[in-house]
Amino acid sequence: MANINIKSNQKVLVTANPKDASNYATTDYFNGPNWSTPDSALVNLSASGFSQTCEVSAKGIPGVATITIQAQVNPGGVIKTTSFTVTVEAGPLDHFDPSFGTPVAL
């Protein structure tokens, strides 16, 4: 499974690049690609219709999101699926958040 890391304040454009069994580029499919994720708390997916590309935008929360690309080979035919992960990492330093221990006697 492929993986990409982005910061919590970033987005990335992903291209499906459909290939045949011999690893040659193809557009010979009926329905797709369709982009989805069960991790919508971490990322937004922006693809209009059955688009070859999808913009994956972090929602500001660190974590690992799985993205799935699906396409149907022919009407009523097999559905091919590929998944990859997007690891959302903390963004650049913005400020400090001090924490304090319990005060003790001198």
PDB file of N, CA and C in Angstrom:
ATOM      1  N   MET A   1       0.839  -1.171   0.000  1.00  0.00           N
ATOM      2  CA  MET A   1       0.000   0.000   0.000  1.00  0.00           C
ATOM      3  C   MET A   1       0.890   1.243   0.000  1.00  0.00           C
ATOM      4  N   ALA A   2       0.555   2.176  -0.838  1.00  0.00           N
ATOM      5  CA  ALA A   2       1.297   3.432  -0.926  1.00  0.00           C
ATOM      6  C   ALA A   2       0.961   4.327   0.269  1.00  0.00           C
ATOM      7  N   ASN A   3       1.807   5.291   0.533  1.00  0.00           N
ATOM      8  CA  ASN A   3       1.605   6.197   1.648  1.00  0.00           C
ATOM      9  C   ASN A   3       2.199   7.550   1.316  1.00  0.00           C
ATOM     10  N   ILE A   4       1.568   8.607   1.832  1.00  0.00           N
ATOM     11  CA  ILE A   4       2.123   9.947   1.745  1.00  0.00           C
ATOM     12  C   ILE A   4       1.899  10.629   3.085  1.00  0.00           C
ATOM     13  N   ASN A   5       2.836  11.469   3.475  1.00  0.00           N
ATOM     14  CA  ASN A   5       2.715  12.238   4.711  1.00  0.00           C
ATOM     15  C   ASN A   5       2.458  13.692   4.354  1.00  0.00           C
ATOM     16  N   ILE A   6       1.493  14.305   5.047  1.00  0.00           N
ATOM     17  CA  ILE A   6       1.235  15.729   4.903  1.00  0.00           C
ATOM     18  C   ILE A   6       1.108  16.335   6.297  1.00  0.00           C
ATOM     19  N   LYS A   7       1.331  17.621   6.394  1.00  0.00           N
ATOM     20  CA  LYS A   7       1.160  18.345   7.650  1.00  0.00           C
ATOM     21  C   LYS A   7      -0.331  18.614   7.859  1.00  0.00           C
ATOM     22  N   SER A   8      -0.688  18.912   9.100  1.00  0.00           N
ATOM     23  CA  SER A   8      -2.100  19.118   9.434  1.00  0.00           C
ATOM     24  C   SER A   8      -2.686  20.370   8.780  1.00  0.00           C
ATOM     25  N   ASN A   9      -1.846  21.185   8.142  1.00  0.00           N
ATOM     26  CA  ASN A   9      -2.307  22.385   7.446  1.00  0.00           C
ATOM     27  C   ASN A   9      -2.024  22.305   5.942  1.00  0.00           C
ATOM     28  N   GLN A  10      -1.965  21.078   5.390  1.00  0.00           N
ATOM     29  CA  GLN A  10      -1.634  20.903   3.975  1.00  0.00           C
ATOM     30  C   GLN A  10      -2.706  20.097   3.246  1.00  0.00           C
ATOM     31  N   LYS A  11      -2.574  20.121   1.916  1.00  0.00           N
ATOM     32  CA  LYS A  11      -3.389  19.287   1.046  1.00  0.00           C
ATOM     33  C   LYS A  11      -2.478  18.731  -0.037  1.00  0.00           C
ATOM     34  N   VAL A  12      -2.933  17.676  -0.713  1.00  0.00           N
ATOM     35  CA  VAL A  12      -2.140  17.070  -1.781  1.00  0.00           C
ATOM     36  C   VAL A  12      -3.084  16.592  -2.888  1.00  0.00           C
ATOM     37  N   LEU A  13      -2.666  16.774  -4.140  1.00  0.00           N
ATOM     38  CA  LEU A  13      -3.427  16.294  -5.283  1.00  0.00           C
ATOM     39  C   LEU A  13      -2.955  14.878  -5.610  1.00  0.00           C
ATOM     40  N   VAL A  14      -3.891  13.939  -5.686  1.00  0.00           N
ATOM     41  CA  VAL A  14      -3.576  12.541  -5.979  1.00  0.00           C
ATOM     42  C   VAL A  14      -4.205  12.191  -7.328  1.00  0.00           C
ATOM     43  N   THR A  15      -3.444  11.513  -8.193  1.00  0.00           N
ATOM     44  CA  THR A  15      -3.926  11.071  -9.502  1.00  0.00           C
ATOM     45  C   THR A  15      -4.022   9.553  -9.501  1.00  0.00           C
ATOM     46  N   ALA A  16      -5.136   9.007  -9.989  1.00  0.00           N
ATOM     47  CA  ALA A  16      -5.396   7.564  -9.947  1.00  0.00           C
ATOM     48  C   ALA A  16      -4.447   6.754 -10.838  1.00  0.00           C
ATOM     49  N   ASN A  17      -4.124   7.233 -12.037  1.00  0.00           N
ATOM     50  CA  ASN A  17      -3.248   6.525 -12.977  1.00  0.00           C
ATOM     51  C   ASN A  17      -3.654   5.064 -13.192  1.00  0.00           C
ATOM     52  N   PRO A  18      -4.838   4.803 -13.790  1.00  0.00           N
ATOM     53  CA  PRO A  18      -5.271   3.424 -14.021  1.00  0.00           C
ATOM     54  C   PRO A  18      -4.322   2.672 -14.964  1.00  0.00           C
ATOM     55  N   LYS A  19      -4.041   1.415 -14.613  1.00  0.00           N
ATOM     56  CA  LYS A  19      -3.113   0.572 -15.391  1.00  0.00           C
ATOM     57  C   LYS A  19      -3.767  -0.776 -15.697  1.00  0.00           C
ATOM     58  N   ASP A  20      -3.334  -1.411 -16.790  1.00  0.00           N
ATOM     59  CA  ASP A  20      -3.803  -2.763 -17.104  1.00  0.00           C
ATOM     60  C   ASP A  20      -2.898  -3.784 -16.418  1.00  0.00           C
ATOM     61  N   ALA A  21      -3.150  -5.077 -16.662  1.00  0.00           N
ATOM     62  CA  ALA A  21      -2.389  -6.144 -16.002  1.00  0.00           C
ATOM     63  C   ALA A  21      -0.902  -6.114 -16.346  1.00  0.00           C
ATOM     64  N   SER A  22      -0.548  -5.485 -17.468  1.00  0.00           N
ATOM     65  CA  SER A  22       0.861  -5.379 -17.864  1.00  0.00           C
ATOM     66  C   SER A  22       1.477  -4.053 -17.447  1.00  0.00           C
ATOM     67  N   ASN A  23       0.758  -3.306 -16.618  1.00  0.00           N
ATOM     68  CA  ASN A  23       1.213  -2.033 -16.073  1.00  0.00           C
ATOM     69  C   ASN A  23       1.254  -0.901 -17.109  1.00  0.00           C
ATOM     70  N   TYR A  24       0.421  -1.019 -18.169  1.00  0.00           N
ATOM     71  CA  TYR A  24       0.292   0.047 -19.155  1.00  0.00           C
ATOM     72  C   TYR A  24      -0.909   0.920 -18.803  1.00  0.00           C
ATOM     73  N   ALA A  25      -0.810   2.215 -19.062  1.00  0.00           N
ATOM     74  CA  ALA A  25      -1.920   3.128 -18.803  1.00  0.00           C
ATOM     75  C   ALA A  25      -3.152   2.701 -19.597  1.00  0.00           C
ATOM     76  N   THR A  26      -4.320   2.796 -18.960  1.00  0.00           N
ATOM     77  CA  THR A  26      -5.567   2.426 -19.619  1.00  0.00           C
ATOM     78  C   THR A  26      -6.696   3.351 -19.192  1.00  0.00           C
ATOM     79  N   THR A  27      -7.679   3.474 -20.047  1.00  0.00           N
ATOM     80  CA  THR A  27      -8.926   4.149 -19.693  1.00  0.00           C
ATOM     81  C   THR A  27     -10.083   3.198 -19.978  1.00  0.00           C
ATOM     82  N   ASP A  28      -9.769   1.922 -20.123  1.00  0.00           N
ATOM     83  CA  ASP A  28     -10.750   0.904 -20.490  1.00  0.00           C
ATOM     84  C   ASP A  28     -11.466   0.364 -19.254  1.00  0.00           C
ATOM     85  N   TYR A  29     -12.360   1.189 -18.711  1.00  0.00           N
ATOM     86  CA  TYR A  29     -13.209   0.757 -17.611  1.00  0.00           C
ATOM     87  C   TYR A  29     -14.535   1.488 -17.748  1.00  0.00           C
ATOM     88  N   PHE A  30     -15.553   0.969 -17.088  1.00  0.00           N
ATOM     89  CA  PHE A  30     -16.911   1.465 -17.282  1.00  0.00           C
ATOM     90  C   PHE A  30     -17.293   2.567 -16.297  1.00  0.00           C
ATOM     91  N   ASN A  31     -17.001   2.362 -15.023  1.00  0.00           N
ATOM     92  CA  ASN A  31     -17.554   3.218 -13.998  1.00  0.00           C
ATOM     93  C   ASN A  31     -16.491   3.536 -12.949  1.00  0.00           C
ATOM     94  N   GLY A  32     -16.054   4.778 -12.877  1.00  0.00           N
ATOM     95  CA  GLY A  32     -15.050   5.147 -11.890  1.00  0.00           C
ATOM     96  C   GLY A  32     -14.042   6.105 -12.503  1.00  0.00           C
ATOM     97  N   PRO A  33     -13.020   6.447 -11.806  1.00  0.00           N
ATOM     98  CA  PRO A  33     -12.756   6.042 -10.428  1.00  0.00           C
ATOM     99  C   PRO A  33     -13.609   6.816  -9.414  1.00  0.00           C
ATOM    100  N   ASN A  34     -13.913   6.109  -8.341  1.00  0.00           N
ATOM    101  CA  ASN A  34     -14.644   6.680  -7.229  1.00  0.00           C
ATOM    102  C   ASN A  34     -13.698   6.727  -6.028  1.00  0.00           C
ATOM    103  N   TRP A  35     -13.649   7.850  -5.329  1.00  0.00           N
ATOM    104  CA  TRP A  35     -12.739   8.066  -4.205  1.00  0.00           C
ATOM    105  C   TRP A  35     -13.537   8.044  -2.907  1.00  0.00           C
ATOM    106  N   SER A  36     -13.029   7.353  -1.874  1.00  0.00           N
ATOM    107  CA  SER A  36     -13.737   7.326  -0.591  1.00  0.00           C
ATOM    108  C   SER A  36     -12.757   7.135   0.559  1.00  0.00           C
ATOM    109  N   THR A  37     -13.228   7.479   1.761  1.00  0.00           N
ATOM    110  CA  THR A  37     -12.446   7.259   2.977  1.00  0.00           C
ATOM    111  C   THR A  37     -13.395   7.040   4.151  1.00  0.00           C
ATOM    112  N   PRO A  38     -13.065   6.112   5.045  1.00  0.00           N
ATOM    113  CA  PRO A  38     -13.823   5.996   6.292  1.00  0.00           C
ATOM    114  C   PRO A  38     -13.305   6.982   7.342  1.00  0.00           C
ATOM    115  N   ASP A  39     -12.256   7.721   7.011  1.00  0.00           N
ATOM    116  CA  ASP A  39     -11.573   8.598   7.963  1.00  0.00           C
ATOM    117  C   ASP A  39     -11.855  10.075   7.680  1.00  0.00           C
ATOM    118  N   SER A  40     -13.126  10.411   7.497  1.00  0.00           N
ATOM    119  CA  SER A  40     -13.493  11.785   7.144  1.00  0.00           C
ATOM    120  C   SER A  40     -13.268  12.769   8.294  1.00  0.00           C
ATOM    121  N   ALA A  41     -12.981  12.294   9.497  1.00  0.00           N
ATOM    122  CA  ALA A  41     -12.631  13.200  10.593  1.00  0.00           C
ATOM    123  C   ALA A  41     -11.218  13.758  10.402  1.00  0.00           C
ATOM    124  N   LEU A  42     -10.387  13.052   9.617  1.00  0.00           N
ATOM    125  CA  LEU A  42      -8.998  13.456   9.407  1.00  0.00           C
ATOM    126  C   LEU A  42      -8.768  14.217   8.109  1.00  0.00           C
ATOM    127  N   VAL A  43      -9.489  13.822   7.039  1.00  0.00           N
ATOM    128  CA  VAL A  43      -9.259  14.413   5.716  1.00  0.00           C
ATOM    129  C   VAL A  43     -10.568  14.670   4.974  1.00  0.00           C
ATOM    130  N   ASN A  44     -10.521  15.652   4.078  1.00  0.00           N
ATOM    131  CA  ASN A  44     -11.594  15.907   3.116  1.00  0.00           C
ATOM    132  C   ASN A  44     -11.122  15.418   1.761  1.00  0.00           C
ATOM    133  N   LEU A  45     -12.028  14.835   0.976  1.00  0.00           N
ATOM    134  CA  LEU A  45     -11.739  14.434  -0.401  1.00  0.00           C
ATOM    135  C   LEU A  45     -12.531  15.325  -1.335  1.00  0.00           C
ATOM    136  N   SER A  46     -11.851  15.896  -2.327  1.00  0.00           N
ATOM    137  CA  SER A  46     -12.519  16.749  -3.313  1.00  0.00           C
ATOM    138  C   SER A  46     -12.251  16.200  -4.704  1.00  0.00           C
ATOM    139  N   ALA A  47     -13.238  15.490  -5.234  1.00  0.00           N
ATOM    140  CA  ALA A  47     -13.178  14.983  -6.606  1.00  0.00           C
ATOM    141  C   ALA A  47     -14.573  15.152  -7.180  1.00  0.00           C
ATOM    142  N   SER A  48     -14.681  15.755  -8.356  1.00  0.00           N
ATOM    143  CA  SER A  48     -16.000  15.941  -8.947  1.00  0.00           C
ATOM    144  C   SER A  48     -16.298  14.796  -9.909  1.00  0.00           C
ATOM    145  N   GLY A  49     -17.411  14.120  -9.666  1.00  0.00           N
ATOM    146  CA  GLY A  49     -17.789  12.988 -10.513  1.00  0.00           C
ATOM    147  C   GLY A  49     -16.747  11.893 -10.458  1.00  0.00           C
ATOM    148  N   PHE A  50     -16.617  11.179 -11.547  1.00  0.00           N
ATOM    149  CA  PHE A  50     -15.606  10.120 -11.641  1.00  0.00           C
ATOM    150  C   PHE A  50     -14.329  10.747 -12.167  1.00  0.00           C
ATOM    151  N   SER A  51     -13.572  11.345 -11.282  1.00  0.00           N
ATOM    152  CA  SER A  51     -12.388  12.111 -11.659  1.00  0.00           C
ATOM    153  C   SER A  51     -11.116  11.280 -11.494  1.00  0.00           C
ATOM    154  N   GLN A  52     -10.163  11.475 -12.393  1.00  0.00           N
ATOM    155  CA  GLN A  52      -8.848  10.826 -12.286  1.00  0.00           C
ATOM    156  C   GLN A  52      -8.038  11.400 -11.136  1.00  0.00           C
ATOM    157  N   THR A  53      -8.412  12.604 -10.673  1.00  0.00           N
ATOM    158  CA  THR A  53      -7.667  13.248  -9.598  1.00  0.00           C
ATOM    159  C   THR A  53      -8.577  13.550  -8.417  1.00  0.00           C
ATOM    160  N   CYS A  54      -7.957  13.628  -7.250  1.00  0.00           N
ATOM    161  CA  CYS A  54      -8.677  13.948  -6.025  1.00  0.00           C
ATOM    162  C   CYS A  54      -7.754  14.776  -5.139  1.00  0.00           C
ATOM    163  N   GLU A  55      -8.276  15.870  -4.607  1.00  0.00           N
ATOM    164  CA  GLU A  55      -7.515  16.669  -3.664  1.00  0.00           C
ATOM    165  C   GLU A  55      -7.829  16.162  -2.256  1.00  0.00           C
ATOM    166  N   VAL A  56      -6.784  15.778  -1.537  1.00  0.00           N
ATOM    167  CA  VAL A  56      -6.914  15.298  -0.165  1.00  0.00           C
ATOM    168  C   VAL A  56      -6.426  16.411   0.753  1.00  0.00           C
ATOM    169  N   SER A  57      -7.317  16.933   1.595  1.00  0.00           N
ATOM    170  CA  SER A  57      -6.999  18.050   2.492  1.00  0.00           C
ATOM    171  C   SER A  57      -7.072  17.597   3.941  1.00  0.00           C
ATOM    172  N   ALA A  58      -6.031  17.906   4.700  1.00  0.00           N
ATOM    173  CA  ALA A  58      -6.028  17.601   6.129  1.00  0.00           C
ATOM    174  C   ALA A  58      -7.031  18.494   6.841  1.00  0.00           C
ATOM    175  N   LYS A  59      -7.668  17.949   7.874  1.00  0.00           N
ATOM    176  CA  LYS A  59      -8.613  18.726   8.671  1.00  0.00           C
ATOM    177  C   LYS A  59      -7.981  19.276   9.945  1.00  0.00           C
ATOM    178  N   GLY A  60      -6.661  19.120  10.084  1.00  0.00           N
ATOM    179  CA  GLY A  60      -5.965  19.691  11.232  1.00  0.00           C
ATOM    180  C   GLY A  60      -5.723  18.721  12.367  1.00  0.00           C
ATOM    181  N   ILE A  61      -6.170  17.479  12.232  1.00  0.00           N
ATOM    182  CA  ILE A  61      -6.018  16.479  13.286  1.00  0.00           C
ATOM    183  C   ILE A  61      -5.000  15.432  12.840  1.00  0.00           C
ATOM    184  N   PRO A  62      -3.919  15.210  13.590  1.00  0.00           N
ATOM    185  CA  PRO A  62      -2.952  14.177  13.217  1.00  0.00           C
ATOM    186  C   PRO A  62      -3.572  12.769  13.276  1.00  0.00           C
ATOM    187  N   GLY A  63      -3.127  11.913  12.370  1.00  0.00           N
ATOM    188  CA  GLY A  63      -3.604  10.532  12.323  1.00  0.00           C
ATOM    189  C   GLY A  63      -3.337   9.937  10.952  1.00  0.00           C
ATOM    190  N   VAL A  64      -3.818   8.709  10.743  1.00  0.00           N
ATOM    191  CA  VAL A  64      -3.625   8.009   9.473  1.00  0.00           C
ATOM    192  C   VAL A  64      -4.985   7.753   8.838  1.00  0.00           C
ATOM    193  N   ALA A  65      -5.168   8.246   7.616  1.00  0.00           N
ATOM    194  CA  ALA A  65      -6.415   8.063   6.875  1.00  0.00           C
ATOM    195  C   ALA A  65      -6.179   7.107   5.710  1.00  0.00           C
ATOM    196  N   THR A  66      -7.103   6.193   5.508  1.00  0.00           N
ATOM    197  CA  THR A  66      -7.060   5.282   4.362  1.00  0.00           C
ATOM    198  C   THR A  66      -7.981   5.830   3.279  1.00  0.00           C
ATOM    199  N   ILE A  67      -7.460   5.925   2.062  1.00  0.00           N
ATOM    200  CA  ILE A  67      -8.232   6.391   0.911  1.00  0.00           C
ATOM    201  C   ILE A  67      -8.356   5.215  -0.056  1.00  0.00           C
ATOM    202  N   THR A  68      -9.552   5.024  -0.603  1.00  0.00           N
ATOM    203  CA  THR A  68      -9.803   3.926  -1.536  1.00  0.00           C
ATOM    204  C   THR A  68     -10.242   4.495  -2.883  1.00  0.00           C
ATOM    205  N   ILE A  69      -9.667   3.937  -3.953  1.00  0.00           N
ATOM    206  CA  ILE A  69     -10.050   4.270  -5.332  1.00  0.00           C
ATOM    207  C   ILE A  69     -10.703   3.022  -5.912  1.00  0.00           C
ATOM    208  N   GLN A  70     -11.903   3.175  -6.490  1.00  0.00           N
ATOM    209  CA  GLN A  70     -12.598   2.037  -7.086  1.00  0.00           C
ATOM    210  C   GLN A  70     -13.053   2.371  -8.496  1.00  0.00           C
ATOM    211  N   ALA A  71     -13.089   1.347  -9.354  1.00  0.00           N
ATOM    212  CA  ALA A  71     -13.654   1.488 -10.695  1.00  0.00           C
ATOM    213  C   ALA A  71     -14.225   0.142 -11.112  1.00  0.00           C
ATOM    214  N   GLN A  72     -15.323   0.201 -11.844  1.00  0.00           N
ATOM    215  CA  GLN A  72     -15.948  -1.014 -12.366  1.00  0.00           C
ATOM    216  C   GLN A  72     -15.382  -1.290 -13.752  1.00  0.00           C
ATOM    217  N   VAL A  73     -14.939  -2.525 -13.974  1.00  0.00           N
ATOM    218  CA  VAL A  73     -14.276  -2.883 -15.236  1.00  0.00           C
ATOM    219  C   VAL A  73     -15.228  -2.752 -16.420  1.00  0.00           C
ATOM    220  N   ASN A  74     -16.454  -3.271 -16.309  1.00  0.00           N
ATOM    221  CA  ASN A  74     -17.454  -3.159 -17.361  1.00  0.00           C
ATOM    222  C   ASN A  74     -18.844  -3.220 -16.721  1.00  0.00           C
ATOM    223  N   PRO A  75     -19.905  -2.878 -17.453  1.00  0.00           N
ATOM    224  CA  PRO A  75     -21.234  -2.891 -16.842  1.00  0.00           C
ATOM    225  C   PRO A  75     -21.535  -4.243 -16.178  1.00  0.00           C
ATOM    226  N   GLY A  76     -21.859  -4.215 -14.914  1.00  0.00           N
ATOM    227  CA  GLY A  76     -22.138  -5.445 -14.177  1.00  0.00           C
ATOM    228  C   GLY A  76     -20.902  -6.259 -13.859  1.00  0.00           C
ATOM    229  N   GLY A  77     -19.717  -5.730 -14.175  1.00  0.00           N
ATOM    230  CA  GLY A  77     -18.477  -6.480 -14.019  1.00  0.00           C
ATOM    231  C   GLY A  77     -17.804  -6.285 -12.673  1.00  0.00           C
ATOM    232  N   VAL A  78     -16.605  -6.775 -12.613  1.00  0.00           N
ATOM    233  CA  VAL A  78     -15.777  -6.742 -11.413  1.00  0.00           C
ATOM    234  C   VAL A  78     -15.454  -5.300 -11.037  1.00  0.00           C
ATOM    235  N   ILE A  79     -15.398  -5.033  -9.742  1.00  0.00           N
ATOM    236  CA  ILE A  79     -14.967  -3.727  -9.244  1.00  0.00           C
ATOM    237  C   ILE A  79     -13.534  -3.870  -8.757  1.00  0.00           C
ATOM    238  N   LYS A  80     -12.641  -3.070  -9.304  1.00  0.00           N
ATOM    239  CA  LYS A  80     -11.230  -3.072  -8.909  1.00  0.00           C
ATOM    240  C   LYS A  80     -11.019  -1.987  -7.855  1.00  0.00           C
ATOM    241  N   THR A  81     -10.254  -2.325  -6.825  1.00  0.00           N
ATOM    242  CA  THR A  81     -10.036  -1.419  -5.697  1.00  0.00           C
ATOM    243  C   THR A  81      -8.556  -1.310  -5.377  1.00  0.00           C
ATOM    244  N   THR A  82      -8.099  -0.094  -5.119  1.00  0.00           N
ATOM    245  CA  THR A  82      -6.752   0.165  -4.629  1.00  0.00           C
ATOM    246  C   THR A  82      -6.863   1.138  -3.460  1.00  0.00           C
ATOM    247  N   SER A  83      -6.089   0.896  -2.408  1.00  0.00           N
ATOM    248  CA  SER A  83      -6.096   1.788  -1.251  1.00  0.00           C
ATOM    249  C   SER A  83      -4.698   2.323  -0.978  1.00  0.00           C
ATOM    250  N   PHE A  84      -4.659   3.480  -0.350  1.00  0.00           N
ATOM    251  CA  PHE A  84      -3.392   4.058   0.096  1.00  0.00           C
ATOM    252  C   PHE A  84      -3.667   4.818   1.382  1.00  0.00           C
ATOM    253  N   THR A  85      -2.609   5.192   2.090  1.00  0.00           N
ATOM    254  CA  THR A  85      -2.793   5.930   3.334  1.00  0.00           C
ATOM    255  C   THR A  85      -2.197   7.326   3.230  1.00  0.00           C
ATOM    256  N   VAL A  86      -2.822   8.232   3.954  1.00  0.00           N
ATOM    257  CA  VAL A  86      -2.315   9.596   4.113  1.00  0.00           C
ATOM    258  C   VAL A  86      -2.089   9.782   5.608  1.00  0.00           C
ATOM    259  N   THR A  87      -0.835   9.989   5.982  1.00  0.00           N
ATOM    260  CA  THR A  87      -0.506  10.246   7.378  1.00  0.00           C
ATOM    261  C   THR A  87      -0.486  11.752   7.588  1.00  0.00           C
ATOM    262  N   VAL A  88      -1.378  12.217   8.454  1.00  0.00           N
ATOM    263  CA  VAL A  88      -1.454  13.638   8.772  1.00  0.00           C
ATOM    264  C   VAL A  88      -0.605  13.880  10.015  1.00  0.00           C
ATOM    265  N   GLU A  89       0.434  14.689   9.845  1.00  0.00           N
ATOM    266  CA  GLU A  89       1.362  14.990  10.938  1.00  0.00           C
ATOM    267  C   GLU A  89       1.064  16.375  11.499  1.00  0.00           C
ATOM    268  N   ALA A  90       1.514  16.615  12.717  1.00  0.00           N
ATOM    269  CA  ALA A  90       1.360  17.940  13.313  1.00  0.00           C
ATOM    270  C   ALA A  90       2.011  18.986  12.422  1.00  0.00           C
ATOM    271  N   GLY A  91       1.436  20.172  12.391  1.00  0.00           N
ATOM    272  CA  GLY A  91       1.959  21.263  11.581  1.00  0.00           C
ATOM    273  C   GLY A  91       3.154  21.932  12.236  1.00  0.00           C
ATOM    274  N   PRO A  92       3.615  23.038  11.668  1.00  0.00           N
ATOM    275  CA  PRO A  92       4.771  23.751  12.220  1.00  0.00           C
ATOM    276  C   PRO A  92       4.421  24.416  13.555  1.00  0.00           C
ATOM    277  N   LEU A  93       5.442  24.704  14.343  1.00  0.00           N
ATOM    278  CA  LEU A  93       5.272  25.342  15.640  1.00  0.00           C
ATOM    279  C   LEU A  93       4.487  26.645  15.500  1.00  0.00           C
ATOM    280  N   ASP A  94       3.464  26.774  16.345  1.00  0.00           N
ATOM    281  CA  ASP A  94       2.658  27.992  16.370  1.00  0.00           C
ATOM    282  C   ASP A  94       2.812  28.723  17.700  1.00  0.00           C
ATOM    283  N   HIS A  95       2.848  27.961  18.787  1.00  0.00           N
ATOM    284  CA  HIS A  95       2.976  28.567  20.110  1.00  0.00           C
ATOM    285  C   HIS A  95       3.383  27.493  21.121  1.00  0.00           C
ATOM    286  N   PHE A  96       3.603  27.888  22.361  1.00  0.00           N
ATOM    287  CA  PHE A  96       3.898  26.953  23.449  1.00  0.00           C
ATOM    288  C   PHE A  96       2.676  26.844  24.350  1.00  0.00           C
ATOM    289  N   ASP A  97       2.496  25.689  24.948  1.00  0.00           N
ATOM    290  CA  ASP A  97       1.382  25.430  25.858  1.00  0.00           C
ATOM    291  C   ASP A  97       1.973  24.872  27.156  1.00  0.00           C
ATOM    292  N   PRO A  98       2.436  25.750  28.076  1.00  0.00           N
ATOM    293  CA  PRO A  98       3.126  25.288  29.273  1.00  0.00           C
ATOM    294  C   PRO A  98       2.231  24.402  30.134  1.00  0.00           C
ATOM    295  N   SER A  99       2.842  23.403  30.738  1.00  0.00           N
ATOM    296  CA  SER A  99       2.151  22.577  31.735  1.00  0.00           C
ATOM    297  C   SER A  99       2.938  22.688  33.037  1.00  0.00           C
ATOM    298  N   PHE A 100       2.265  22.486  34.160  1.00  0.00           N
ATOM    299  CA  PHE A 100       2.882  22.721  35.454  1.00  0.00           C
ATOM    300  C   PHE A 100       2.790  21.492  36.338  1.00  0.00           C
ATOM    301  N   GLY A 101       3.864  21.250  37.073  1.00  0.00           N
ATOM    302  CA  GLY A 101       3.851  20.186  38.065  1.00  0.00           C
ATOM    303  C   GLY A 101       3.109  20.656  39.323  1.00  0.00           C
ATOM    304  N   THR A 102       3.052  19.778  40.322  1.00  0.00           N
ATOM    305  CA  THR A 102       2.406  20.112  41.583  1.00  0.00           C
ATOM    306  C   THR A 102       3.381  20.904  42.443  1.00  0.00           C
ATOM    307  N   PRO A 103       2.958  22.051  42.974  1.00  0.00           N
ATOM    308  CA  PRO A 103       3.846  22.831  43.847  1.00  0.00           C
ATOM    309  C   PRO A 103       4.209  22.048  45.104  1.00  0.00           C
ATOM    310  N   VAL A 104       5.450  22.194  45.548  1.00  0.00           N
ATOM    311  CA  VAL A 104       5.933  21.519  46.775  1.00  0.00           C
ATOM    312  C   VAL A 104       6.599  22.552  47.671  1.00  0.00           C
ATOM    313  N   ALA A 105       6.696  22.218  48.952  1.00  0.00           N
ATOM    314  CA  ALA A 105       7.324  23.122  49.916  1.00  0.00           C
ATOM    315  C   ALA A 105       8.813  23.234  49.656  1.00  0.00           C
ATOM    316  N   LEU A 106       9.386  24.398  49.994  1.00  0.00           N
ATOM    317  CA  LEU A 106      10.832  24.627  49.847  1.00  0.00           C
ATOM    318  C   LEU A 106      11.600  23.991  50.972  1.00  0.00           C
TER     319      LEU A 106
END
